[in-house]
Amino acid sequence: MVTDAPMRIAGSAIAVLAFDLFGVMISFDDDLVAARLASHCADPDDAFGKLHKLTARRDIITGVSTLPEVHRELVDTHGLALSYSEFEAAWLEPYHEPVPGMAELMKVLSGHYRLVLLSNVDRDYWQVVRAMHPEFDRFESLLVSCELGMAKPDPEVFGRVCQLTGTKPSQCFFVDDTAPNVEAARELGFHGHVFSSVEGLTAALREADAIGV
């Protein structure tokens, strides 16, 4: 539906669309990293269970712990038998791919709305993602936890969106595949959508009379 008016939800004109990265813009399997590393540990099965979601660990995604520090930790704790360079290569080998249709949708939406990326991601893998996805050039701001020093669902993260864009929460529409993150944004006055598919997101945008979809 194409309209001449801006998207309106509950009487508020939406100016900013903020999108999560993992699970929205790109699909991922971070257990691939755990499996790569666990296979080089003293007890692979035990290590795999304990390394589950390692890439999402708060101290890593907020930049508190560096990759060399994580390597030393795994050597000491799990007997990781990889050199740092080997460990780094395993960490940085891509474990994601684009969600089909999202880049095309962003191209359309960027002509009508200000786009913001809001992601929990570690500093090193973010460089991999950024280099692989030139479509993020369409985004006005790329807000990542490793640079912010905080992570979703912290309220301050969502406040940074408003601060950088000069908007009120009621003017922002946030999309994330994790319901608690969306609920945290809604509690601050954001509009939100829990992402499950491009089709579902497009339908939600059309229901709100978004321009271009």
N, C-alpha and C. Protein backbone atom coordinates (compact mmCIF):
# COMPACT_ATOMS: atom_id res chain seq x y z
N MET A 1 0.85 -1.19 0.00
CA MET A 1 0.00 0.00 0.00
C MET A 1 0.88 1.24 0.00
N VAL A 2 0.63 2.14 -0.89
CA VAL A 2 1.39 3.38 -0.96
C VAL A 2 0.45 4.53 -0.60
N THR A 3 0.82 5.36 0.35
CA THR A 3 0.00 6.48 0.78
C THR A 3 0.83 7.75 0.74
N ASP A 4 0.14 8.88 0.83
CA ASP A 4 0.85 10.17 0.86
C ASP A 4 1.18 10.58 2.29
N ALA A 5 0.60 9.91 3.27
CA ALA A 5 0.81 10.28 4.67
C ALA A 5 1.84 9.35 5.30
N PRO A 6 2.53 9.82 6.35
CA PRO A 6 3.48 8.95 7.03
C PRO A 6 2.77 7.84 7.78
N MET A 7 3.50 6.79 8.11
CA MET A 7 2.93 5.70 8.90
C MET A 7 2.48 6.24 10.26
N ARG A 8 1.29 5.87 10.65
CA ARG A 8 0.76 6.32 11.93
C ARG A 8 0.31 5.12 12.75
N ILE A 9 0.75 5.09 13.99
CA ILE A 9 0.33 4.06 14.92
C ILE A 9 -0.12 4.77 16.19
N ALA A 10 -1.34 4.50 16.62
CA ALA A 10 -1.89 5.13 17.82
C ALA A 10 -1.74 6.65 17.75
N GLY A 11 -1.96 7.20 16.56
CA GLY A 11 -1.94 8.65 16.40
C GLY A 11 -0.57 9.28 16.27
N SER A 12 0.49 8.48 16.33
CA SER A 12 1.84 9.02 16.25
C SER A 12 2.43 8.80 14.86
N ALA A 13 3.02 9.84 14.30
CA ALA A 13 3.69 9.72 13.01
C ALA A 13 5.05 9.07 13.21
N ILE A 14 5.28 7.95 12.56
CA ILE A 14 6.54 7.22 12.72
C ILE A 14 7.60 7.80 11.79
N ALA A 15 8.74 8.15 12.36
CA ALA A 15 9.84 8.71 11.58
C ALA A 15 11.02 7.77 11.48
N VAL A 16 11.20 6.91 12.49
CA VAL A 16 12.38 6.05 12.58
C VAL A 16 11.97 4.59 12.66
N LEU A 17 12.59 3.76 11.84
CA LEU A 17 12.43 2.31 11.92
C LEU A 17 13.76 1.73 12.39
N ALA A 18 13.74 1.06 13.53
CA ALA A 18 14.95 0.48 14.10
C ALA A 18 14.88 -1.04 14.00
N PHE A 19 15.94 -1.64 13.48
CA PHE A 19 15.95 -3.07 13.22
C PHE A 19 17.07 -3.78 13.97
N ASP A 20 16.73 -4.92 14.53
CA ASP A 20 17.72 -5.84 15.06
C ASP A 20 18.52 -6.42 13.90
N LEU A 21 19.68 -6.97 14.18
CA LEU A 21 20.52 -7.57 13.15
C LEU A 21 20.29 -9.08 13.06
N PHE A 22 20.73 -9.82 14.08
CA PHE A 22 20.63 -11.27 14.07
C PHE A 22 19.18 -11.73 14.26
N GLY A 23 18.72 -12.54 13.32
CA GLY A 23 17.36 -13.03 13.39
C GLY A 23 16.35 -12.14 12.69
N VAL A 24 16.80 -10.98 12.20
CA VAL A 24 15.93 -10.07 11.46
C VAL A 24 16.56 -9.76 10.10
N MET A 25 17.69 -9.07 10.13
CA MET A 25 18.38 -8.76 8.88
C MET A 25 19.15 -9.97 8.35
N ILE A 26 19.72 -10.75 9.26
CA ILE A 26 20.47 -11.93 8.87
C ILE A 26 20.07 -13.10 9.76
N SER A 27 20.03 -14.29 9.17
CA SER A 27 19.82 -15.50 9.96
C SER A 27 21.18 -16.01 10.42
N PHE A 28 21.19 -16.81 11.49
CA PHE A 28 22.48 -17.20 12.05
C PHE A 28 22.37 -18.51 12.82
N ASP A 29 23.51 -19.13 13.02
CA ASP A 29 23.62 -20.31 13.87
C ASP A 29 24.92 -20.18 14.64
N ASP A 30 24.84 -19.52 15.81
CA ASP A 30 26.07 -19.30 16.56
C ASP A 30 26.59 -20.56 17.23
N ASP A 31 25.81 -21.65 17.21
CA ASP A 31 26.34 -22.91 17.72
C ASP A 31 27.44 -23.46 16.81
N LEU A 32 27.52 -22.95 15.58
CA LEU A 32 28.63 -23.35 14.71
C LEU A 32 29.96 -22.94 15.32
N VAL A 33 29.98 -21.77 15.96
CA VAL A 33 31.21 -21.31 16.60
C VAL A 33 31.54 -22.22 17.78
N ALA A 34 30.53 -22.53 18.60
CA ALA A 34 30.75 -23.42 19.75
C ALA A 34 31.27 -24.77 19.29
N ALA A 35 30.71 -25.29 18.21
CA ALA A 35 31.14 -26.60 17.70
C ALA A 35 32.57 -26.55 17.19
N ARG A 36 32.92 -25.48 16.48
CA ARG A 36 34.29 -25.35 15.97
C ARG A 36 35.30 -25.36 17.11
N LEU A 37 34.99 -24.60 18.14
CA LEU A 37 35.92 -24.47 19.26
C LEU A 37 35.94 -25.73 20.13
N ALA A 38 34.76 -26.29 20.39
CA ALA A 38 34.67 -27.45 21.28
C ALA A 38 35.44 -28.64 20.71
N SER A 39 35.48 -28.76 19.40
CA SER A 39 36.18 -29.90 18.79
C SER A 39 37.68 -29.88 19.08
N HIS A 40 38.19 -28.75 19.54
CA HIS A 40 39.61 -28.63 19.86
C HIS A 40 39.85 -28.52 21.36
N CYS A 41 38.82 -28.86 22.16
CA CYS A 41 38.95 -28.81 23.61
C CYS A 41 39.22 -30.20 24.18
N ALA A 42 39.66 -30.24 25.44
CA ALA A 42 40.00 -31.52 26.06
C ALA A 42 38.80 -32.46 26.12
N ASP A 43 37.62 -31.92 26.42
CA ASP A 43 36.38 -32.70 26.47
C ASP A 43 35.38 -32.01 25.55
N PRO A 44 35.33 -32.38 24.28
CA PRO A 44 34.49 -31.68 23.31
C PRO A 44 33.02 -31.61 23.69
N ASP A 45 32.46 -32.71 24.18
CA ASP A 45 31.04 -32.71 24.52
C ASP A 45 30.74 -31.75 25.67
N ASP A 46 31.56 -31.79 26.69
CA ASP A 46 31.37 -30.89 27.82
C ASP A 46 31.57 -29.44 27.40
N ALA A 47 32.60 -29.22 26.61
CA ALA A 47 32.89 -27.86 26.16
C ALA A 47 31.75 -27.30 25.31
N PHE A 48 31.20 -28.12 24.42
CA PHE A 48 30.12 -27.64 23.55
C PHE A 48 28.93 -27.17 24.38
N GLY A 49 28.58 -27.94 25.40
CA GLY A 49 27.46 -27.55 26.25
C GLY A 49 27.71 -26.24 26.97
N LYS A 50 28.94 -26.04 27.39
CA LYS A 50 29.26 -24.83 28.16
C LYS A 50 29.55 -23.62 27.27
N LEU A 51 29.87 -23.87 26.01
CA LEU A 51 30.14 -22.77 25.08
C LEU A 51 28.91 -22.34 24.30
N HIS A 52 27.78 -22.99 24.55
CA HIS A 52 26.53 -22.61 23.90
C HIS A 52 26.24 -21.13 24.16
N LYS A 53 25.96 -20.38 23.10
CA LYS A 53 25.67 -18.95 23.18
C LYS A 53 26.87 -18.11 23.64
N LEU A 54 28.08 -18.65 23.47
CA LEU A 54 29.27 -17.90 23.85
C LEU A 54 29.33 -16.56 23.14
N THR A 55 28.97 -16.54 21.87
CA THR A 55 29.07 -15.30 21.09
C THR A 55 28.09 -14.23 21.56
N ALA A 56 27.11 -14.62 22.37
CA ALA A 56 26.13 -13.65 22.88
C ALA A 56 26.41 -13.27 24.34
N ARG A 57 27.52 -13.73 24.88
CA ARG A 57 27.82 -13.45 26.29
C ARG A 57 27.98 -11.95 26.50
N ARG A 58 27.38 -11.42 27.54
CA ARG A 58 27.28 -9.98 27.72
C ARG A 58 28.64 -9.28 27.76
N ASP A 59 29.60 -9.86 28.45
CA ASP A 59 30.90 -9.18 28.55
C ASP A 59 31.61 -9.12 27.20
N ILE A 60 31.27 -10.05 26.32
CA ILE A 60 31.88 -10.07 24.99
C ILE A 60 31.19 -9.08 24.06
N ILE A 61 29.86 -9.08 24.06
CA ILE A 61 29.15 -8.21 23.12
C ILE A 61 29.20 -6.74 23.54
N THR A 62 29.53 -6.46 24.81
CA THR A 62 29.65 -5.06 25.23
C THR A 62 31.09 -4.58 25.23
N GLY A 63 32.01 -5.43 24.79
CA GLY A 63 33.40 -5.01 24.66
C GLY A 63 34.20 -5.05 25.93
N VAL A 64 33.64 -5.61 27.01
CA VAL A 64 34.38 -5.71 28.27
C VAL A 64 35.51 -6.72 28.14
N SER A 65 35.20 -7.86 27.53
CA SER A 65 36.22 -8.89 27.30
C SER A 65 36.65 -8.86 25.84
N THR A 66 37.95 -8.88 25.62
CA THR A 66 38.49 -8.88 24.25
C THR A 66 38.65 -10.31 23.75
N LEU A 67 38.83 -10.46 22.46
CA LEU A 67 39.00 -11.80 21.89
C LEU A 67 40.24 -12.51 22.43
N PRO A 68 41.38 -11.84 22.59
CA PRO A 68 42.53 -12.52 23.20
C PRO A 68 42.22 -13.00 24.62
N GLU A 69 41.42 -12.23 25.36
CA GLU A 69 41.06 -12.65 26.72
C GLU A 69 40.14 -13.87 26.69
N VAL A 70 39.23 -13.91 25.74
CA VAL A 70 38.36 -15.07 25.61
C VAL A 70 39.18 -16.30 25.24
N HIS A 71 40.15 -16.13 24.36
CA HIS A 71 41.01 -17.25 23.97
C HIS A 71 41.75 -17.80 25.19
N ARG A 72 42.33 -16.92 25.98
CA ARG A 72 43.06 -17.38 27.17
C ARG A 72 42.13 -18.10 28.14
N GLU A 73 40.93 -17.60 28.28
CA GLU A 73 39.94 -18.23 29.16
C GLU A 73 39.63 -19.66 28.71
N LEU A 74 39.44 -19.84 27.41
CA LEU A 74 39.09 -21.17 26.91
C LEU A 74 40.27 -22.13 27.00
N VAL A 75 41.45 -21.63 26.82
CA VAL A 75 42.64 -22.47 26.99
C VAL A 75 42.73 -22.95 28.43
N ASP A 76 42.55 -22.03 29.37
CA ASP A 76 42.67 -22.36 30.79
C ASP A 76 41.51 -23.23 31.29
N THR A 77 40.30 -22.95 30.81
CA THR A 77 39.11 -23.61 31.35
C THR A 77 38.78 -24.92 30.63
N HIS A 78 38.97 -24.95 29.32
CA HIS A 78 38.54 -26.12 28.54
C HIS A 78 39.68 -26.82 27.81
N GLY A 79 40.90 -26.36 28.03
CA GLY A 79 42.02 -27.00 27.35
C GLY A 79 42.00 -26.80 25.85
N LEU A 80 41.54 -25.65 25.42
CA LEU A 80 41.50 -25.36 23.98
C LEU A 80 42.91 -25.47 23.40
N ALA A 81 43.04 -26.24 22.32
CA ALA A 81 44.36 -26.52 21.75
C ALA A 81 44.63 -25.71 20.49
N LEU A 82 43.97 -24.57 20.34
CA LEU A 82 44.19 -23.71 19.18
C LEU A 82 45.06 -22.52 19.56
N SER A 83 45.95 -22.15 18.66
CA SER A 83 46.70 -20.91 18.85
C SER A 83 45.73 -19.75 18.75
N TYR A 84 46.18 -18.56 19.13
CA TYR A 84 45.26 -17.43 19.04
C TYR A 84 44.83 -17.18 17.60
N SER A 85 45.73 -17.25 16.66
CA SER A 85 45.37 -16.99 15.27
C SER A 85 44.37 -18.01 14.76
N GLU A 86 44.52 -19.27 15.17
CA GLU A 86 43.56 -20.31 14.78
C GLU A 86 42.20 -20.07 15.43
N PHE A 87 42.23 -19.68 16.69
CA PHE A 87 41.00 -19.36 17.40
C PHE A 87 40.29 -18.18 16.75
N GLU A 88 41.04 -17.16 16.41
CA GLU A 88 40.45 -15.97 15.78
C GLU A 88 39.80 -16.34 14.45
N ALA A 89 40.45 -17.19 13.68
CA ALA A 89 39.90 -17.60 12.39
C ALA A 89 38.60 -18.36 12.58
N ALA A 90 38.54 -19.22 13.60
CA ALA A 90 37.31 -19.97 13.88
C ALA A 90 36.19 -19.03 14.32
N TRP A 91 36.54 -18.01 15.09
CA TRP A 91 35.55 -17.05 15.59
C TRP A 91 34.98 -16.20 14.45
N LEU A 92 35.84 -15.82 13.53
CA LEU A 92 35.45 -14.89 12.48
C LEU A 92 34.88 -15.56 11.23
N GLU A 93 35.00 -16.88 11.12
CA GLU A 93 34.40 -17.56 9.97
C GLU A 93 32.89 -17.33 10.01
N PRO A 94 32.30 -16.84 8.94
CA PRO A 94 30.88 -16.47 8.97
C PRO A 94 29.96 -17.60 9.41
N TYR A 95 29.01 -17.24 10.26
CA TYR A 95 27.99 -18.19 10.70
C TYR A 95 26.59 -17.60 10.47
N HIS A 96 26.50 -16.72 9.48
CA HIS A 96 25.22 -16.09 9.18
C HIS A 96 25.02 -15.99 7.67
N GLU A 97 23.80 -15.67 7.28
CA GLU A 97 23.50 -15.38 5.88
C GLU A 97 22.32 -14.42 5.85
N PRO A 98 22.15 -13.68 4.77
CA PRO A 98 21.07 -12.70 4.71
C PRO A 98 19.70 -13.36 4.78
N VAL A 99 18.76 -12.69 5.44
CA VAL A 99 17.37 -13.14 5.40
C VAL A 99 16.80 -12.71 4.05
N PRO A 100 16.37 -13.64 3.23
CA PRO A 100 15.86 -13.28 1.89
C PRO A 100 14.73 -12.24 1.96
N GLY A 101 14.88 -11.22 1.16
CA GLY A 101 13.85 -10.19 1.07
C GLY A 101 14.07 -8.99 1.95
N MET A 102 14.92 -9.10 2.97
CA MET A 102 15.09 -7.97 3.89
C MET A 102 15.87 -6.83 3.25
N ALA A 103 16.90 -7.13 2.49
CA ALA A 103 17.67 -6.05 1.85
C ALA A 103 16.78 -5.27 0.89
N GLU A 104 15.92 -5.96 0.17
CA GLU A 104 15.01 -5.30 -0.76
C GLU A 104 14.00 -4.43 -0.02
N LEU A 105 13.51 -4.95 1.12
CA LEU A 105 12.56 -4.17 1.92
C LEU A 105 13.23 -2.92 2.48
N MET A 106 14.48 -3.03 2.91
CA MET A 106 15.20 -1.87 3.44
C MET A 106 15.40 -0.82 2.35
N LYS A 107 15.63 -1.27 1.12
CA LYS A 107 15.80 -0.33 0.02
C LYS A 107 14.54 0.51 -0.15
N VAL A 108 13.39 -0.14 -0.07
CA VAL A 108 12.12 0.58 -0.21
C VAL A 108 11.90 1.51 0.98
N LEU A 109 12.07 0.99 2.17
CA LEU A 109 11.77 1.78 3.37
C LEU A 109 12.72 2.96 3.54
N SER A 110 13.96 2.81 3.08
CA SER A 110 14.94 3.89 3.26
C SER A 110 14.57 5.13 2.47
N GLY A 111 13.69 4.98 1.49
CA GLY A 111 13.24 6.14 0.73
C GLY A 111 12.18 6.95 1.44
N HIS A 112 11.68 6.42 2.56
CA HIS A 112 10.57 7.09 3.25
C HIS A 112 10.82 7.28 4.75
N TYR A 113 11.71 6.48 5.33
CA TYR A 113 11.93 6.52 6.77
C TYR A 113 13.43 6.54 7.09
N ARG A 114 13.75 6.99 8.27
CA ARG A 114 15.13 6.94 8.76
C ARG A 114 15.34 5.56 9.39
N LEU A 115 16.37 4.87 8.93
CA LEU A 115 16.62 3.51 9.39
C LEU A 115 17.78 3.49 10.40
N VAL A 116 17.59 2.70 11.44
CA VAL A 116 18.62 2.53 12.47
C VAL A 116 18.81 1.04 12.72
N LEU A 117 20.05 0.59 12.76
CA LEU A 117 20.36 -0.78 13.14
C LEU A 117 20.68 -0.80 14.63
N LEU A 118 20.10 -1.76 15.34
CA LEU A 118 20.30 -1.85 16.79
C LEU A 118 20.62 -3.30 17.13
N SER A 119 21.91 -3.60 17.34
CA SER A 119 22.33 -4.99 17.44
C SER A 119 23.23 -5.27 18.64
N ASN A 120 23.05 -6.46 19.20
CA ASN A 120 23.99 -7.01 20.18
C ASN A 120 24.99 -7.86 19.40
N VAL A 121 26.24 -7.42 19.35
CA VAL A 121 27.26 -8.14 18.57
C VAL A 121 28.64 -7.78 19.10
N ASP A 122 29.55 -8.75 19.03
CA ASP A 122 30.91 -8.47 19.49
C ASP A 122 31.66 -7.66 18.44
N ARG A 123 32.69 -6.99 18.89
CA ARG A 123 33.43 -6.06 18.04
C ARG A 123 34.07 -6.74 16.83
N ASP A 124 34.59 -7.92 17.02
CA ASP A 124 35.33 -8.57 15.94
C ASP A 124 34.40 -9.13 14.87
N TYR A 125 33.33 -9.80 15.29
CA TYR A 125 32.42 -10.34 14.28
C TYR A 125 31.62 -9.25 13.59
N TRP A 126 31.41 -8.13 14.27
CA TRP A 126 30.73 -7.01 13.63
C TRP A 126 31.49 -6.54 12.40
N GLN A 127 32.80 -6.55 12.45
CA GLN A 127 33.60 -6.14 11.29
C GLN A 127 33.36 -7.08 10.11
N VAL A 128 33.18 -8.36 10.40
CA VAL A 128 32.88 -9.34 9.35
C VAL A 128 31.52 -9.03 8.72
N VAL A 129 30.53 -8.83 9.57
CA VAL A 129 29.18 -8.55 9.09
C VAL A 129 29.16 -7.27 8.25
N ARG A 130 29.78 -6.24 8.78
CA ARG A 130 29.75 -4.94 8.09
C ARG A 130 30.37 -5.04 6.70
N ALA A 131 31.47 -5.76 6.59
CA ALA A 131 32.14 -5.89 5.30
C ALA A 131 31.32 -6.69 4.29
N MET A 132 30.49 -7.59 4.79
CA MET A 132 29.71 -8.47 3.91
C MET A 132 28.38 -7.86 3.47
N HIS A 133 27.98 -6.74 4.10
CA HIS A 133 26.63 -6.23 3.85
C HIS A 133 26.64 -4.73 3.56
N PRO A 134 26.96 -4.37 2.33
CA PRO A 134 26.95 -2.96 1.95
C PRO A 134 25.57 -2.33 2.04
N GLU A 135 24.51 -3.15 2.11
CA GLU A 135 23.17 -2.59 2.20
C GLU A 135 22.95 -1.81 3.49
N PHE A 136 23.84 -2.01 4.47
CA PHE A 136 23.70 -1.24 5.71
C PHE A 136 24.07 0.23 5.51
N ASP A 137 24.62 0.56 4.34
CA ASP A 137 24.88 1.96 4.02
C ASP A 137 23.58 2.75 3.96
N ARG A 138 22.46 2.07 3.79
CA ARG A 138 21.17 2.74 3.74
C ARG A 138 20.72 3.21 5.13
N PHE A 139 21.37 2.72 6.17
CA PHE A 139 20.97 3.04 7.53
C PHE A 139 21.62 4.35 7.98
N GLU A 140 20.84 5.18 8.64
CA GLU A 140 21.36 6.44 9.15
C GLU A 140 22.34 6.22 10.29
N SER A 141 22.03 5.25 11.16
CA SER A 141 22.89 4.96 12.31
C SER A 141 23.02 3.45 12.48
N LEU A 142 24.23 3.01 12.84
CA LEU A 142 24.51 1.61 13.14
C LEU A 142 24.91 1.54 14.61
N LEU A 143 23.97 1.18 15.46
CA LEU A 143 24.21 1.15 16.90
C LEU A 143 24.45 -0.29 17.33
N VAL A 144 25.68 -0.59 17.71
CA VAL A 144 26.05 -1.95 18.09
C VAL A 144 26.57 -1.97 19.52
N SER A 145 26.24 -3.03 20.22
CA SER A 145 26.53 -3.12 21.65
C SER A 145 28.02 -2.99 21.96
N CYS A 146 28.87 -3.53 21.06
CA CYS A 146 30.30 -3.50 21.33
C CYS A 146 30.86 -2.08 21.33
N GLU A 147 30.19 -1.16 20.65
CA GLU A 147 30.61 0.24 20.63
C GLU A 147 29.87 1.06 21.67
N LEU A 148 28.64 0.68 21.97
CA LEU A 148 27.85 1.40 22.97
C LEU A 148 28.29 1.07 24.39
N GLY A 149 28.84 -0.14 24.59
CA GLY A 149 29.18 -0.58 25.93
C GLY A 149 27.97 -1.01 26.73
N MET A 150 26.86 -1.26 26.05
CA MET A 150 25.63 -1.74 26.68
C MET A 150 24.85 -2.53 25.64
N ALA A 151 23.89 -3.29 26.10
CA ALA A 151 23.20 -4.21 25.19
C ALA A 151 21.71 -4.22 25.46
N LYS A 152 20.96 -4.56 24.42
CA LYS A 152 19.52 -4.79 24.60
C LYS A 152 19.33 -5.94 25.60
N PRO A 153 18.35 -5.86 26.47
CA PRO A 153 17.24 -4.90 26.51
C PRO A 153 17.45 -3.71 27.46
N ASP A 154 18.68 -3.29 27.71
CA ASP A 154 18.90 -2.14 28.59
C ASP A 154 18.14 -0.92 28.06
N PRO A 155 17.41 -0.23 28.91
CA PRO A 155 16.65 0.94 28.45
C PRO A 155 17.52 2.00 27.79
N GLU A 156 18.77 2.13 28.27
CA GLU A 156 19.65 3.16 27.73
C GLU A 156 19.94 2.95 26.25
N VAL A 157 19.89 1.70 25.80
CA VAL A 157 20.13 1.41 24.38
C VAL A 157 19.05 2.05 23.53
N PHE A 158 17.82 1.91 23.95
CA PHE A 158 16.71 2.47 23.17
C PHE A 158 16.71 4.00 23.28
N GLY A 159 17.13 4.50 24.43
CA GLY A 159 17.25 5.94 24.59
C GLY A 159 18.26 6.53 23.62
N ARG A 160 19.30 5.75 23.30
CA ARG A 160 20.31 6.23 22.37
C ARG A 160 19.73 6.42 20.96
N VAL A 161 18.78 5.59 20.59
CA VAL A 161 18.12 5.74 19.30
C VAL A 161 17.45 7.11 19.21
N CYS A 162 16.70 7.46 20.26
CA CYS A 162 16.01 8.75 20.27
C CYS A 162 17.00 9.91 20.32
N GLN A 163 18.06 9.74 21.09
CA GLN A 163 19.07 10.79 21.22
C GLN A 163 19.73 11.09 19.88
N LEU A 164 20.11 10.06 19.16
CA LEU A 164 20.83 10.26 17.91
C LEU A 164 19.93 10.75 16.78
N THR A 165 18.66 10.37 16.82
CA THR A 165 17.75 10.76 15.75
C THR A 165 16.93 11.99 16.09
N GLY A 166 16.99 12.44 17.34
CA GLY A 166 16.23 13.61 17.75
C GLY A 166 14.73 13.37 17.72
N THR A 167 14.33 12.14 18.04
CA THR A 167 12.92 11.79 18.01
C THR A 167 12.43 11.34 19.39
N LYS A 168 11.11 11.25 19.53
CA LYS A 168 10.49 10.71 20.73
C LYS A 168 10.27 9.21 20.53
N PRO A 169 10.17 8.46 21.63
CA PRO A 169 9.89 7.02 21.48
C PRO A 169 8.65 6.72 20.65
N SER A 170 7.63 7.56 20.77
CA SER A 170 6.39 7.34 20.03
C SER A 170 6.57 7.50 18.53
N GLN A 171 7.71 8.04 18.11
CA GLN A 171 8.00 8.21 16.68
C GLN A 171 8.87 7.09 16.13
N CYS A 172 9.15 6.08 16.97
CA CYS A 172 10.06 5.00 16.59
C CYS A 172 9.33 3.65 16.58
N PHE A 173 9.65 2.85 15.57
CA PHE A 173 9.09 1.51 15.40
C PHE A 173 10.25 0.54 15.44
N PHE A 174 10.26 -0.37 16.42
CA PHE A 174 11.39 -1.27 16.65
C PHE A 174 11.02 -2.69 16.27
N VAL A 175 11.92 -3.35 15.53
CA VAL A 175 11.71 -4.72 15.07
C VAL A 175 12.82 -5.61 15.60
N ASP A 176 12.46 -6.68 16.29
CA ASP A 176 13.44 -7.61 16.86
C ASP A 176 12.79 -8.99 16.89
N ASP A 177 13.60 -10.04 16.78
CA ASP A 177 13.04 -11.38 16.86
C ASP A 177 12.93 -11.89 18.28
N THR A 178 13.44 -11.14 19.25
CA THR A 178 13.39 -11.53 20.65
C THR A 178 12.32 -10.72 21.38
N ALA A 179 11.28 -11.39 21.83
CA ALA A 179 10.13 -10.71 22.43
C ALA A 179 10.51 -9.83 23.63
N PRO A 180 11.39 -10.26 24.55
CA PRO A 180 11.73 -9.39 25.68
C PRO A 180 12.37 -8.08 25.25
N ASN A 181 13.11 -8.08 24.15
CA ASN A 181 13.69 -6.83 23.65
C ASN A 181 12.60 -5.89 23.14
N VAL A 182 11.64 -6.45 22.42
CA VAL A 182 10.54 -5.64 21.92
C VAL A 182 9.71 -5.10 23.07
N GLU A 183 9.46 -5.93 24.08
CA GLU A 183 8.68 -5.48 25.22
C GLU A 183 9.40 -4.37 25.98
N ALA A 184 10.73 -4.47 26.11
CA ALA A 184 11.50 -3.43 26.78
C ALA A 184 11.37 -2.11 26.04
N ALA A 185 11.38 -2.16 24.71
CA ALA A 185 11.22 -0.94 23.91
C ALA A 185 9.81 -0.38 24.08
N ARG A 186 8.82 -1.25 24.07
CA ARG A 186 7.44 -0.80 24.23
C ARG A 186 7.21 -0.12 25.58
N GLU A 187 7.86 -0.62 26.61
CA GLU A 187 7.70 -0.02 27.93
C GLU A 187 8.20 1.43 27.97
N LEU A 188 9.10 1.76 27.03
CA LEU A 188 9.63 3.11 26.95
C LEU A 188 8.83 3.99 25.99
N GLY A 189 7.82 3.41 25.36
CA GLY A 189 6.98 4.19 24.45
C GLY A 189 7.20 3.92 22.98
N PHE A 190 8.14 3.02 22.65
CA PHE A 190 8.35 2.63 21.25
C PHE A 190 7.16 1.79 20.78
N HIS A 191 6.95 1.80 19.48
CA HIS A 191 6.08 0.81 18.86
C HIS A 191 6.97 -0.37 18.50
N GLY A 192 6.42 -1.58 18.53
CA GLY A 192 7.28 -2.73 18.30
C GLY A 192 6.62 -3.86 17.56
N HIS A 193 7.46 -4.67 16.93
CA HIS A 193 7.01 -5.84 16.20
C HIS A 193 7.99 -6.97 16.45
N VAL A 194 7.48 -8.13 16.89
CA VAL A 194 8.33 -9.31 17.07
C VAL A 194 8.44 -10.02 15.72
N PHE A 195 9.65 -10.01 15.18
CA PHE A 195 9.89 -10.53 13.83
C PHE A 195 9.88 -12.04 13.79
N SER A 196 9.15 -12.59 12.81
CA SER A 196 9.23 -14.02 12.54
C SER A 196 9.43 -14.30 11.06
N SER A 197 9.04 -13.34 10.22
CA SER A 197 9.22 -13.51 8.77
C SER A 197 9.11 -12.16 8.09
N VAL A 198 9.66 -12.08 6.89
CA VAL A 198 9.55 -10.84 6.10
C VAL A 198 8.08 -10.58 5.77
N GLU A 199 7.34 -11.65 5.49
CA GLU A 199 5.93 -11.50 5.17
C GLU A 199 5.15 -10.94 6.35
N GLY A 200 5.46 -11.42 7.55
CA GLY A 200 4.77 -10.92 8.73
C GLY A 200 5.09 -9.46 9.01
N LEU A 201 6.36 -9.09 8.82
CA LEU A 201 6.75 -7.69 9.02
C LEU A 201 6.07 -6.80 7.99
N THR A 202 6.07 -7.23 6.75
CA THR A 202 5.44 -6.44 5.69
C THR A 202 3.95 -6.25 5.98
N ALA A 203 3.30 -7.30 6.46
CA ALA A 203 1.88 -7.20 6.79
C ALA A 203 1.65 -6.21 7.93
N ALA A 204 2.55 -6.22 8.93
CA ALA A 204 2.42 -5.29 10.05
C ALA A 204 2.61 -3.86 9.60
N LEU A 205 3.54 -3.64 8.69
CA LEU A 205 3.79 -2.30 8.16
C LEU A 205 2.60 -1.83 7.33
N ARG A 206 2.04 -2.73 6.54
CA ARG A 206 0.87 -2.36 5.73
C ARG A 206 -0.32 -2.02 6.61
N GLU A 207 -0.48 -2.78 7.68
CA GLU A 207 -1.59 -2.51 8.60
C GLU A 207 -1.48 -1.14 9.22
N ALA A 208 -0.23 -0.67 9.38
CA ALA A 208 0.01 0.67 9.93
C ALA A 208 0.09 1.72 8.84
N ASP A 209 -0.27 1.34 7.61
CA ASP A 209 -0.25 2.28 6.48
C ASP A 209 1.14 2.85 6.21
N ALA A 210 2.14 2.00 6.31
CA ALA A 210 3.50 2.44 6.01
C ALA A 210 3.62 2.78 4.52
N ILE A 211 4.46 3.72 4.22
CA ILE A 211 4.67 4.14 2.84
C ILE A 211 5.57 3.14 2.12
N GLY A 212 5.20 2.76 0.92
CA GLY A 212 6.09 2.00 0.06
C GLY A 212 5.95 0.50 0.09
N VAL A 213 5.17 -0.06 1.05
CA VAL A 213 5.07 -1.52 1.14
C VAL A 213 3.71 -2.00 0.68
